[in-house]
Amino acid sequence: MTHPLRFGLKLSGQDTTIDALRAVWRIADDAGFDHVWDFDHLASIGEGGPDRPIYEGWTLQAAMAEATKRVRIGCLVTGNTYRNPALLAKEAVTVDHLSGGRLEFGIGAAWAEIEHQMYGFEGLDHRVGRLSESLRIIKSLWTEERTNFDGRYYQMKDAIANPKPLQKPYPPIWIGASGETTMRLVARYADVWNAAGGDPQKTKELIEKLDQACAEIGRDASEIRRSVQFDWDGKSRDELMEQSGAFLERGITEQVIYLRGPGLEPVARAEKLAALLPDLRHNQSAESSTHRR
């Protein structure tokens, strides 16, 4: 099964301003990018410590929905342990309706220990089991009149969830995963797999894990779209084309360029990427033609 090549922009919501976020969303919408993303943390991550400015990911997605008209929107990825699955399912449906059915639903098991320590979130020690139960509950809430679930971590009793998503049967589910247990969840539940990190060789090894996980349950691995997010500093056009082409060779058709790190500031970087988007698409068409010969 072949999938169309799609490009997205990501400005996380950390170390940025609302004006910069709005500008990137507008650029993504106007320039013809396929999707635009934030992330889901309550305290800043990475170098510089946890006390830098950061905005909440699902609130930002609601704002994205209102600020854009065409581009699809999402979060790479939602931390499952931060919310009860019924709340998360409701937030997602709300954003799907606000956007006119443009939500891409990104979710992962969560990993940031400091956030769980600071805010008293439970579940990091059993995060994969919690994610498994949440995925089952969320899909049921999106599709069934009532949801009953008696799990190890979550319980639902005649749970009602109306309205249902605009997208049928529900928004595409993107799952971020790299370990063997989370890969099994990708094989069972995902429409799109989001690879951890942006290294083509590491991605090749992870794809082998995904293929094995799909084989174990009898699912055709080619049904699952493959995605990656990677950095670009805004300087070398050739480097951008080379990175993108290397991922395409691995079958990665959902490519998200992360506006972070040293280099041009995010809005200027997004503007440069918008100008290069036709070249990116042409580059990939040439790559595909080469493989067909």
Protein backbone atom coordinates (compact mmCIF):
# COMPACT_ATOMS: atom_id res chain seq x y z
CA MET A 1 0.00 0.00 0.00
CA THR A 2 1.38 3.41 -0.98
CA HIS A 3 0.63 6.63 0.86
CA PRO A 4 0.84 10.23 -0.32
CA LEU A 5 3.83 12.25 0.78
CA ARG A 6 2.86 15.00 3.20
CA PHE A 7 4.81 17.75 4.95
CA GLY A 8 4.12 19.55 8.21
CA LEU A 9 5.54 22.25 10.49
CA LYS A 10 5.89 21.98 14.26
CA LEU A 11 6.34 24.81 16.74
CA SER A 12 6.02 23.18 20.12
CA GLY A 13 4.59 25.95 22.31
CA GLN A 14 7.77 26.13 24.41
CA ASP A 15 10.17 29.10 24.44
CA THR A 16 7.97 31.00 22.02
CA THR A 17 5.21 33.61 21.91
CA ILE A 18 1.55 33.51 20.95
CA ASP A 19 2.31 35.87 18.07
CA ALA A 20 4.98 33.50 16.74
CA LEU A 21 2.65 30.52 17.05
CA ARG A 22 -0.10 32.32 15.15
CA ALA A 23 2.37 33.34 12.46
CA VAL A 24 3.58 29.75 11.94
CA TRP A 25 0.00 28.44 11.80
CA ARG A 26 -0.84 31.08 9.18
CA ILE A 27 2.24 30.22 7.11
CA ALA A 28 1.39 26.51 7.24
CA ASP A 29 -2.17 27.21 6.16
CA ASP A 30 -1.34 29.66 3.39
CA ALA A 31 1.70 27.90 1.93
CA GLY A 32 0.07 24.53 1.42
CA PHE A 33 1.61 22.43 4.18
CA ASP A 34 -0.43 19.34 4.94
CA HIS A 35 -0.38 19.62 8.73
CA VAL A 36 0.84 21.81 11.60
CA TRP A 37 1.72 20.67 15.13
CA ASP A 38 2.49 21.52 18.73
CA PHE A 39 3.50 19.26 21.62
CA ASP A 40 2.13 18.33 25.05
CA HIS A 41 4.11 19.29 28.14
CA LEU A 42 3.26 21.38 31.18
CA ALA A 43 6.86 22.22 32.11
CA SER A 44 9.61 23.00 29.62
CA ILE A 45 11.88 20.15 28.55
CA GLY A 46 15.45 19.96 27.33
CA GLU A 47 18.39 22.20 28.04
CA GLY A 48 17.59 25.23 30.16
CA GLY A 49 15.46 23.51 32.79
CA PRO A 50 11.72 23.25 33.42
CA ASP A 51 10.86 26.86 34.30
CA ARG A 52 10.83 28.43 30.84
CA PRO A 53 7.54 29.60 29.29
CA ILE A 54 5.35 26.89 27.79
CA TYR A 55 1.71 26.78 26.66
CA GLU A 56 -0.78 23.92 27.02
CA GLY A 57 -1.03 21.75 23.92
CA TRP A 58 -4.76 21.05 23.59
CA THR A 59 -5.74 24.66 24.24
CA LEU A 60 -3.34 25.62 21.46
CA GLN A 61 -4.96 23.12 19.10
CA ALA A 62 -8.33 24.77 19.67
CA ALA A 63 -6.69 28.07 18.74
CA MET A 64 -5.14 26.46 15.66
CA ALA A 65 -8.58 25.31 14.59
CA GLU A 66 -9.90 28.86 14.67
CA ALA A 67 -6.79 30.46 13.16
CA THR A 68 -6.62 28.21 10.08
CA LYS A 69 -8.96 27.13 7.31
CA ARG A 70 -7.31 24.28 5.41
CA VAL A 71 -4.26 22.75 7.10
CA ARG A 72 -4.72 19.72 9.35
CA ILE A 73 -3.76 20.16 13.00
CA GLY A 74 -2.40 17.99 15.76
CA CYS A 75 -0.13 17.39 18.74
CA LEU A 76 3.09 15.33 18.46
CA VAL A 77 2.30 13.80 20.83
CA THR A 78 -0.20 13.98 23.67
CA GLY A 79 1.10 12.57 26.96
CA ASN A 80 -1.50 10.00 27.95
CA THR A 81 -0.88 10.17 31.71
CA TYR A 82 -1.77 13.86 31.94
CA ARG A 83 -5.51 13.36 31.42
CA ASN A 84 -8.29 10.91 32.07
CA PRO A 85 -9.13 9.23 28.72
CA ALA A 86 -12.72 10.51 28.81
CA LEU A 87 -11.46 14.09 29.12
CA LEU A 88 -8.96 13.56 26.33
CA ALA A 89 -11.59 12.01 24.07
CA LYS A 90 -13.85 15.02 24.68
CA GLU A 91 -11.07 17.53 24.02
CA ALA A 92 -10.25 15.78 20.76
CA VAL A 93 -13.87 15.76 19.58
CA THR A 94 -14.18 19.44 20.42
CA VAL A 95 -11.10 20.30 18.35
CA ASP A 96 -12.32 18.08 15.51
CA HIS A 97 -15.58 20.04 15.40
CA LEU A 98 -13.89 23.43 15.80
CA SER A 99 -11.63 22.63 12.85
CA GLY A 100 -14.33 21.22 10.61
CA GLY A 101 -12.84 17.71 10.79
CA ARG A 102 -9.12 18.51 10.46
CA LEU A 103 -7.76 16.89 13.64
CA GLU A 104 -4.89 14.40 13.56
CA PHE A 105 -4.94 12.69 16.98
CA GLY A 106 -1.39 12.20 18.27
CA ILE A 107 -0.78 10.25 21.48
CA GLY A 108 2.06 8.55 23.35
CA ALA A 109 2.73 6.95 26.71
CA ALA A 110 4.43 10.08 28.23
CA TRP A 111 7.94 10.10 29.63
CA ALA A 112 8.86 13.33 31.50
CA GLU A 113 9.56 12.29 35.10
CA ILE A 114 9.83 15.85 36.40
CA GLU A 115 6.27 16.70 35.35
CA HIS A 116 4.89 13.66 37.15
CA GLN A 117 6.88 14.55 40.24
CA MET A 118 5.94 18.24 40.27
CA TYR A 119 2.25 17.87 39.53
CA GLY A 120 1.48 14.55 41.19
CA PHE A 121 0.56 12.76 37.98
CA GLU A 122 0.37 9.01 38.47
CA GLY A 123 1.13 6.22 36.09
CA LEU A 124 4.60 6.72 34.65
CA ASP A 125 5.68 3.34 36.03
CA HIS A 126 2.82 1.64 34.13
CA ARG A 127 2.62 4.07 31.25
CA VAL A 128 2.33 1.51 28.44
CA GLY A 129 -0.50 -0.37 30.15
CA ARG A 130 -2.31 2.92 30.75
CA LEU A 131 -1.88 3.90 27.10
CA SER A 132 -3.29 0.57 25.99
CA GLU A 133 -6.39 1.01 28.12
CA SER A 134 -6.81 4.65 27.08
CA LEU A 135 -6.74 3.80 23.39
CA ARG A 136 -9.48 1.19 23.85
CA ILE A 137 -11.61 3.60 25.87
CA ILE A 138 -11.15 6.57 23.54
CA LYS A 139 -12.07 4.58 20.43
CA SER A 140 -15.15 3.27 22.19
CA LEU A 141 -16.22 6.74 23.37
CA TRP A 142 -15.87 8.01 19.80
CA THR A 143 -17.94 5.25 18.24
CA GLU A 144 -20.31 3.63 20.76
CA GLU A 145 -23.48 4.93 22.45
CA ARG A 146 -22.25 3.76 25.86
CA THR A 147 -18.82 2.69 27.06
CA ASN A 148 -18.26 0.19 29.83
CA PHE A 149 -14.72 -0.63 30.80
CA ASP A 150 -13.26 -2.25 33.90
CA GLY A 151 -9.51 -2.08 33.53
CA ARG A 152 -6.54 -2.10 35.81
CA TYR A 153 -6.08 1.69 35.53
CA TYR A 154 -9.36 3.14 34.25
CA GLN A 155 -13.03 2.37 34.74
CA MET A 156 -16.00 3.57 32.70
CA LYS A 157 -19.62 2.83 33.59
CA ASP A 158 -22.30 3.52 30.96
CA ALA A 159 -20.13 6.43 29.82
CA ILE A 160 -21.76 8.79 27.33
CA ALA A 161 -19.69 10.82 24.88
CA ASN A 162 -21.65 13.07 22.53
CA PRO A 163 -21.19 14.45 19.97
CA LYS A 164 -19.10 11.98 18.05
CA PRO A 165 -16.16 13.15 15.91
CA LEU A 166 -16.90 14.76 12.57
CA GLN A 167 -14.38 12.39 10.98
CA LYS A 168 -15.70 8.86 10.63
CA PRO A 169 -15.16 6.57 12.32
CA TYR A 170 -12.75 8.90 14.19
CA PRO A 171 -9.72 11.16 13.55
CA PRO A 172 -6.54 9.43 12.38
CA ILE A 173 -4.61 8.09 15.37
CA TRP A 174 -0.87 8.83 15.44
CA ILE A 175 1.06 6.89 18.08
CA GLY A 176 4.60 7.83 19.07
CA ALA A 177 6.58 4.68 19.86
CA SER A 178 10.04 3.13 19.82
CA GLY A 179 9.97 0.23 22.31
CA GLU A 180 8.70 -3.26 21.61
CA THR A 181 5.63 -2.96 23.86
CA THR A 182 4.53 0.39 22.45
CA MET A 183 5.16 -0.91 18.93
CA ARG A 184 2.55 -3.58 19.64
CA LEU A 185 0.07 -0.79 20.38
CA VAL A 186 0.99 0.87 17.09
CA ALA A 187 0.36 -2.39 15.26
CA ARG A 188 -3.03 -2.80 16.89
CA TYR A 189 -4.42 0.75 17.02
CA ALA A 190 -2.48 3.25 14.88
CA ASP A 191 -3.27 4.81 11.55
CA VAL A 192 0.13 6.55 11.68
CA TRP A 193 3.31 5.61 13.54
CA ASN A 194 5.49 8.49 14.71
CA ALA A 195 9.15 7.47 14.99
CA ALA A 196 11.16 8.71 17.95
CA GLY A 197 14.02 10.92 16.87
CA GLY A 198 15.13 12.02 13.45
CA ASP A 199 17.98 9.70 12.47
CA PRO A 200 17.37 7.71 9.27
CA GLN A 201 19.47 4.70 10.37
CA LYS A 202 17.73 4.48 13.75
CA THR A 203 14.41 4.81 11.96
CA LYS A 204 15.32 1.80 9.78
CA GLU A 205 15.82 -0.30 12.91
CA LEU A 206 12.51 0.86 14.38
CA ILE A 207 10.68 0.01 11.16
CA GLU A 208 11.89 -3.56 11.53
CA LYS A 209 10.34 -3.64 15.03
CA LEU A 210 7.06 -2.31 13.64
CA ASP A 211 7.01 -4.88 10.83
CA GLN A 212 7.53 -7.65 13.38
CA ALA A 213 4.79 -6.32 15.68
CA CYS A 214 2.34 -6.20 12.77
CA ALA A 215 3.27 -9.72 11.66
CA GLU A 216 2.55 -11.03 15.16
CA ILE A 217 -1.10 -9.95 14.96
CA GLY A 218 -1.58 -10.51 11.24
CA ARG A 219 -1.82 -6.86 10.21
CA ASP A 220 -0.39 -5.60 6.95
CA ALA A 221 2.33 -3.18 8.09
CA SER A 222 1.93 -1.12 4.92
CA GLU A 223 -1.51 0.02 6.14
CA ILE A 224 0.21 2.16 8.77
CA ARG A 225 1.58 5.47 7.57
CA ARG A 226 5.04 6.27 8.91
CA SER A 227 6.01 9.68 10.23
CA VAL A 228 9.04 11.44 11.60
CA GLN A 229 9.89 14.89 12.88
CA PHE A 230 13.32 16.30 12.15
CA ASP A 231 15.18 19.55 12.72
CA TRP A 232 16.46 21.96 10.12
CA ASP A 233 18.36 25.12 11.03
CA GLY A 234 17.10 27.11 8.07
CA LYS A 235 20.46 27.40 6.33
CA SER A 236 21.26 24.70 3.78
CA ARG A 237 18.63 23.86 1.17
CA ASP A 238 20.66 20.84 0.06
CA GLU A 239 20.81 19.49 3.61
CA LEU A 240 17.02 19.76 3.90
CA MET A 241 16.49 17.94 0.62
CA GLU A 242 18.97 15.23 1.60
CA GLN A 243 17.30 14.65 4.99
CA SER A 244 13.84 14.46 3.49
CA GLY A 245 14.96 12.12 0.73
CA ALA A 246 16.68 9.79 3.21
CA PHE A 247 13.45 9.44 5.17
CA LEU A 248 11.43 8.79 2.03
CA GLU A 249 13.82 5.97 1.15
CA ARG A 250 12.78 4.42 4.49
CA GLY A 251 9.10 4.74 3.58
CA ILE A 252 8.49 7.77 5.81
CA THR A 253 5.75 9.68 3.99
CA GLU A 254 4.61 11.98 6.83
CA GLN A 255 7.49 14.40 7.39
CA VAL A 256 7.27 17.09 10.08
CA ILE A 257 9.94 19.78 10.24
CA TYR A 258 10.51 20.89 13.82
CA LEU A 259 11.14 24.62 14.25
CA ARG A 260 13.56 24.44 17.18
CA GLY A 261 17.23 24.67 18.01
CA PRO A 262 19.92 27.00 16.69
CA GLY A 263 19.51 28.75 13.39
CA LEU A 264 16.87 31.08 12.02
CA GLU A 265 14.15 32.07 14.45
CA PRO A 266 10.98 29.95 13.98
CA VAL A 267 8.84 32.33 11.92
CA ALA A 268 11.68 33.15 9.52
CA ARG A 269 12.47 29.44 9.27
CA ALA A 270 8.82 28.65 8.52
CA GLU A 271 8.77 31.33 5.81
CA LYS A 272 11.89 29.84 4.22
CA LEU A 273 10.38 26.37 4.35
CA ALA A 274 7.22 27.69 2.72
CA ALA A 275 9.32 28.97 -0.17
CA LEU A 276 11.06 25.59 -0.41
CA LEU A 277 7.92 23.46 -0.17
CA PRO A 278 7.51 23.14 -3.98
CA ASP A 279 11.15 22.01 -4.19
CA LEU A 280 10.56 19.45 -1.43
CA ARG A 281 7.60 18.01 -3.27
CA HIS A 282 9.50 17.98 -6.57
CA ASN A 283 12.52 16.41 -4.87
CA GLN A 284 10.34 13.58 -3.63
CA SER A 285 8.70 13.11 -7.02
CA ALA A 286 12.14 12.78 -8.59
CA GLU A 287 13.15 10.35 -5.82
CA SER A 288 10.07 8.20 -6.45
CA SER A 289 10.71 8.23 -10.20
CA THR A 290 14.29 7.08 -9.63
CA HIS A 291 13.08 4.15 -7.50
CA ARG A 292 10.57 3.12 -10.21
CA ARG A 293 13.25 2.86 -12.91
